[in-house]
PDB file of N, CA and C in Angstrom:
ATOM      1  N   MET A   1       0.844  -1.284   0.157  1.00  0.00           N
ATOM      2  CA  MET A   1       0.130   0.021   0.025  1.00  0.00           C
ATOM      3  C   MET A   1       0.889   1.253  -0.065  1.00  0.00           C
ATOM      4  N   ALA A   2       1.913   1.405   1.034  1.00  0.00           N
ATOM      5  CA  ALA A   2       2.817   2.449   0.874  1.00  0.00           C
ATOM      6  C   ALA A   2       3.569   2.581  -0.355  1.00  0.00           C
ATOM      7  N   ILE A   3       3.783   1.662  -1.202  1.00  0.00           N
ATOM      8  CA  ILE A   3       4.631   1.706  -2.263  1.00  0.00           C
ATOM      9  C   ILE A   3       3.598   2.185  -3.503  1.00  0.00           C
ATOM     10  N   ASP A   4       2.383   1.936  -3.354  1.00  0.00           N
ATOM     11  CA  ASP A   4       1.439   2.396  -4.379  1.00  0.00           C
ATOM     12  C   ASP A   4       1.331   3.900  -4.065  1.00  0.00           C
ATOM     13  N   ARG A   5       1.348   4.448  -2.852  1.00  0.00           N
ATOM     14  CA  ARG A   5       1.157   5.675  -2.481  1.00  0.00           C
ATOM     15  C   ARG A   5       2.439   6.480  -2.920  1.00  0.00           C
ATOM     16  N   SER A   6       3.675   6.008  -2.688  1.00  0.00           N
ATOM     17  CA  SER A   6       4.938   6.471  -3.398  1.00  0.00           C
ATOM     18  C   SER A   6       4.748   6.672  -4.662  1.00  0.00           C
ATOM     19  N   ASN A   7       4.466   5.618  -5.544  1.00  0.00           N
ATOM     20  CA  ASN A   7       4.132   5.765  -6.912  1.00  0.00           C
ATOM     21  C   ASN A   7       3.443   6.844  -7.340  1.00  0.00           C
ATOM     22  N   GLN A   8       2.310   6.946  -6.662  1.00  0.00           N
ATOM     23  CA  GLN A   8       1.201   8.042  -7.159  1.00  0.00           C
ATOM     24  C   GLN A   8       1.907   9.355  -6.907  1.00  0.00           C
ATOM     25  N   GLN A   9       2.345   9.670  -5.758  1.00  0.00           N
ATOM     26  CA  GLN A   9       3.092  10.921  -5.527  1.00  0.00           C
ATOM     27  C   GLN A   9       4.244  11.372  -6.632  1.00  0.00           C
ATOM     28  N   ALA A  10       4.992  10.227  -6.989  1.00  0.00           N
ATOM     29  CA  ALA A  10       6.027  10.560  -7.893  1.00  0.00           C
ATOM     30  C   ALA A  10       5.466  10.851  -9.195  1.00  0.00           C
ATOM     31  N   ARG A  11       4.436  10.211  -9.559  1.00  0.00           N
ATOM     32  CA  ARG A  11       3.968  10.410 -10.917  1.00  0.00           C
ATOM     33  C   ARG A  11       3.093  11.686 -10.910  1.00  0.00           C
ATOM     34  N   LEU A  12       2.691  12.256  -9.739  1.00  0.00           N
ATOM     35  CA  LEU A  12       1.949  13.712  -9.600  1.00  0.00           C
ATOM     36  C   LEU A  12       3.022  14.840  -9.678  1.00  0.00           C
ATOM     37  N   HIS A  13       4.185  14.585  -9.118  1.00  0.00           N
ATOM     38  CA  HIS A  13       4.976  15.678  -8.807  1.00  0.00           C
ATOM     39  C   HIS A  13       6.112  16.033 -10.315  1.00  0.00           C
ATOM     40  N   LEU A  14       6.145  14.804 -11.237  1.00  0.00           N
ATOM     41  CA  LEU A  14       6.989  15.115 -12.338  1.00  0.00           C
ATOM     42  C   LEU A  14       6.027  16.107 -13.324  1.00  0.00           C
ATOM     43  N   PRO A  15       4.779  15.820 -13.593  1.00  0.00           N
ATOM     44  CA  PRO A  15       4.043  16.467 -14.813  1.00  0.00           C
ATOM     45  C   PRO A  15       3.389  17.740 -14.133  1.00  0.00           C
ATOM     46  N   GLN A  16       3.316  17.816 -12.774  1.00  0.00           N
ATOM     47  CA  GLN A  16       2.573  18.996 -12.097  1.00  0.00           C
ATOM     48  C   GLN A  16       3.167  20.406 -12.687  1.00  0.00           C
ATOM     49  N   PRO A  17       4.409  20.746 -12.622  1.00  0.00           N
ATOM     50  CA  PRO A  17       4.872  22.061 -13.031  1.00  0.00           C
ATOM     51  C   PRO A  17       4.561  22.458 -14.410  1.00  0.00           C
ATOM     52  N   LEU A  18       4.285  21.325 -15.154  1.00  0.00           N
ATOM     53  CA  LEU A  18       4.006  21.588 -16.686  1.00  0.00           C
ATOM     54  C   LEU A  18       2.632  21.867 -16.955  1.00  0.00           C
ATOM     55  N   ILE A  19       1.607  20.934 -16.260  1.00  0.00           N
ATOM     56  CA  ILE A  19       0.377  21.035 -16.400  1.00  0.00           C
ATOM     57  C   ILE A  19      -0.352  22.103 -15.571  1.00  0.00           C
ATOM     58  N   ASP A  20       0.074  22.475 -14.169  1.00  0.00           N
ATOM     59  CA  ASP A  20      -0.659  23.345 -13.245  1.00  0.00           C
ATOM     60  C   ASP A  20      -0.839  24.637 -14.098  1.00  0.00           C
ATOM     61  N   PRO A  21       0.228  25.210 -14.734  1.00  0.00           N
ATOM     62  CA  PRO A  21      -0.175  26.666 -15.131  1.00  0.00           C
ATOM     63  C   PRO A  21      -1.274  26.618 -16.185  1.00  0.00           C
ATOM     64  N   THR A  22      -1.655  25.467 -16.679  1.00  0.00           N
ATOM     65  CA  THR A  22      -2.851  25.421 -17.730  1.00  0.00           C
ATOM     66  C   THR A  22      -4.152  25.403 -17.301  1.00  0.00           C
ATOM     67  N   PHE A  23      -4.267  25.270 -15.801  1.00  0.00           N
ATOM     68  CA  PHE A  23      -5.432  25.326 -15.161  1.00  0.00           C
ATOM     69  C   PHE A  23      -6.148  26.762 -15.071  1.00  0.00           C
ATOM     70  N   SER A  24      -7.419  26.888 -14.891  1.00  0.00           N
ATOM     71  CA  SER A  24      -7.831  28.163 -14.754  1.00  0.00           C
ATOM     72  C   SER A  24      -7.542  28.589 -13.159  1.00  0.00           C
ATOM     73  N   GLY A  25      -7.372  30.017 -13.252  1.00  0.00           N
ATOM     74  CA  GLY A  25      -7.012  30.390 -11.886  1.00  0.00           C
ATOM     75  C   GLY A  25      -8.094  30.133 -10.755  1.00  0.00           C
ATOM     76  N   PHE A  26      -9.294  29.750 -11.413  1.00  0.00           N
ATOM     77  CA  PHE A  26     -10.255  29.513 -10.358  1.00  0.00           C
ATOM     78  C   PHE A  26     -10.568  28.072  -9.891  1.00  0.00           C
ATOM     79  N   SER A  27      -9.780  27.199 -10.605  1.00  0.00           N
ATOM     80  CA  SER A  27      -9.557  25.750 -10.239  1.00  0.00           C
ATOM     81  C   SER A  27      -9.146  25.429  -8.760  1.00  0.00           C
ATOM     82  N   SER A  28     -10.031  24.791  -8.188  1.00  0.00           N
ATOM     83  CA  SER A  28      -9.438  24.488  -6.870  1.00  0.00           C
ATOM     84  C   SER A  28      -9.113  22.889  -6.427  1.00  0.00           C
ATOM     85  N   GLY A  29      -9.792  21.966  -7.436  1.00  0.00           N
ATOM     86  CA  GLY A  29      -9.509  20.587  -7.138  1.00  0.00           C
ATOM     87  C   GLY A  29      -8.184  20.005  -7.487  1.00  0.00           C
ATOM     88  N   LEU A  30      -7.489  19.215  -6.414  1.00  0.00           N
ATOM     89  CA  LEU A  30      -6.249  18.643  -6.733  1.00  0.00           C
ATOM     90  C   LEU A  30      -5.373  19.424  -7.005  1.00  0.00           C
ATOM     91  N   ARG A  31      -5.312  20.764  -6.530  1.00  0.00           N
ATOM     92  CA  ARG A  31      -4.043  21.688  -6.645  1.00  0.00           C
ATOM     93  C   ARG A  31      -3.403  21.942  -5.326  1.00  0.00           C
ATOM     94  N   PRO A  32      -2.400  22.085  -5.308  1.00  0.00           N
ATOM     95  CA  PRO A  32      -1.413  22.508  -4.107  1.00  0.00           C
ATOM     96  C   PRO A  32      -2.133  23.656  -3.444  1.00  0.00           C
ATOM     97  N   GLY A  33      -2.356  23.458  -2.036  1.00  0.00           N
ATOM     98  CA  GLY A  33      -2.889  25.044  -1.176  1.00  0.00           C
ATOM     99  C   GLY A  33      -4.272  25.250  -1.659  1.00  0.00           C
ATOM    100  N   ARG A  34      -4.859  24.372  -2.338  1.00  0.00           N
ATOM    101  CA  ARG A  34      -6.515  24.454  -2.722  1.00  0.00           C
ATOM    102  C   ARG A  34      -7.080  23.388  -2.548  1.00  0.00           C
ATOM    103  N   GLY A  35      -8.315  23.257  -2.268  1.00  0.00           N
ATOM    104  CA  GLY A  35      -9.168  22.078  -2.064  1.00  0.00           C
ATOM    105  C   GLY A  35     -10.595  22.293  -2.023  1.00  0.00           C
ATOM    106  N   THR A  36     -11.371  21.497  -1.735  1.00  0.00           N
ATOM    107  CA  THR A  36     -12.963  21.474  -1.936  1.00  0.00           C
ATOM    108  C   THR A  36     -13.470  22.625  -1.043  1.00  0.00           C
ATOM    109  N   HIS A  37     -12.972  22.986   0.136  1.00  0.00           N
ATOM    110  CA  HIS A  37     -13.507  24.264   0.869  1.00  0.00           C
ATOM    111  C   HIS A  37     -13.341  25.330   0.115  1.00  0.00           C
ATOM    112  N   ASP A  38     -12.511  25.620  -0.579  1.00  0.00           N
ATOM    113  CA  ASP A  38     -12.178  26.816  -1.527  1.00  0.00           C
ATOM    114  C   ASP A  38     -13.200  26.835  -2.687  1.00  0.00           C
ATOM    115  N   ALA A  39     -13.420  25.700  -3.051  1.00  0.00           N
ATOM    116  CA  ALA A  39     -14.400  25.714  -4.163  1.00  0.00           C
ATOM    117  C   ALA A  39     -15.699  25.935  -3.713  1.00  0.00           C
ATOM    118  N   VAL A  40     -16.024  25.453  -2.656  1.00  0.00           N
ATOM    119  CA  VAL A  40     -17.441  25.662  -1.955  1.00  0.00           C
ATOM    120  C   VAL A  40     -17.520  27.154  -1.561  1.00  0.00           C
ATOM    121  N   ARG A  41     -16.587  27.742  -1.106  1.00  0.00           N
ATOM    122  CA  ARG A  41     -16.686  29.218  -0.645  1.00  0.00           C
ATOM    123  C   ARG A  41     -16.862  30.178  -1.941  1.00  0.00           C
ATOM    124  N   THR A  42     -16.261  29.711  -3.156  1.00  0.00           N
ATOM    125  CA  THR A  42     -16.364  30.585  -4.244  1.00  0.00           C
ATOM    126  C   THR A  42     -17.458  30.411  -5.388  1.00  0.00           C
ATOM    127  N   ALA A  43     -18.148  29.252  -5.042  1.00  0.00           N
ATOM    128  CA  ALA A  43     -19.080  28.733  -5.928  1.00  0.00           C
ATOM    129  C   ALA A  43     -20.223  29.555  -6.011  1.00  0.00           C
ATOM    130  N   PRO A  44     -20.617  30.273  -5.067  1.00  0.00           N
ATOM    131  CA  PRO A  44     -21.919  31.103  -5.102  1.00  0.00           C
ATOM    132  C   PRO A  44     -21.435  32.403  -6.004  1.00  0.00           C
ATOM    133  N   GLN A  45     -20.194  32.867  -5.688  1.00  0.00           N
ATOM    134  CA  GLN A  45     -19.774  34.202  -6.597  1.00  0.00           C
ATOM    135  C   GLN A  45     -19.888  33.670  -7.872  1.00  0.00           C
ATOM    136  N   TYR A  46     -19.095  32.385  -8.373  1.00  0.00           N
ATOM    137  CA  TYR A  46     -18.830  32.074  -9.717  1.00  0.00           C
ATOM    138  C   TYR A  46     -20.438  31.927 -10.382  1.00  0.00           C
ATOM    139  N   ALA A  47     -21.241  31.258  -9.708  1.00  0.00           N
ATOM    140  CA  ALA A  47     -22.843  31.178  -9.928  1.00  0.00           C
ATOM    141  C   ALA A  47     -23.438  32.454 -10.357  1.00  0.00           C
ATOM    142  N   GLN A  48     -23.130  33.364  -9.633  1.00  0.00           N
ATOM    143  CA  GLN A  48     -23.627  34.730  -9.736  1.00  0.00           C
ATOM    144  C   GLN A  48     -22.962  35.652 -10.792  1.00  0.00           C
ATOM    145  N   GLY A  49     -21.771  35.184 -11.336  1.00  0.00           N
ATOM    146  CA  GLY A  49     -20.980  36.024 -12.209  1.00  0.00           C
ATOM    147  C   GLY A  49     -20.088  37.018 -11.892  1.00  0.00           C
ATOM    148  N   VAL A  50     -20.082  36.816 -10.420  1.00  0.00           N
ATOM    149  CA  VAL A  50     -19.088  38.019  -9.837  1.00  0.00           C
ATOM    150  C   VAL A  50     -17.841  37.654 -10.008  1.00  0.00           C
ATOM    151  N   ILE A  51     -17.499  36.485 -10.038  1.00  0.00           N
ATOM    152  CA  ILE A  51     -16.028  36.075 -10.725  1.00  0.00           C
ATOM    153  C   ILE A  51     -16.078  35.043 -11.978  1.00  0.00           C
ATOM    154  N   GLY A  52     -15.027  34.869 -12.757  1.00  0.00           N
ATOM    155  CA  GLY A  52     -15.033  33.957 -13.780  1.00  0.00           C
ATOM    156  C   GLY A  52     -15.355  34.690 -15.038  1.00  0.00           C
TER     157      GLY A  52
END
C-alpha cells in the first residue's frame, strides 16, 4: 500500500509543474494549497457571475 502511494506521488510531482499553469485560476480541485472548501466558498460568486 505504501509503495502504491509513493508511486502516485512520484507520478504527480513530475508533470505537475508543466500542467498546473494550464488550469484556470479559479480551479481548486487537486491543486497544491487549494481544496474542496475553497471551491465551495467561491461557488456562489461564480454562479452569480461575480467572478469568472
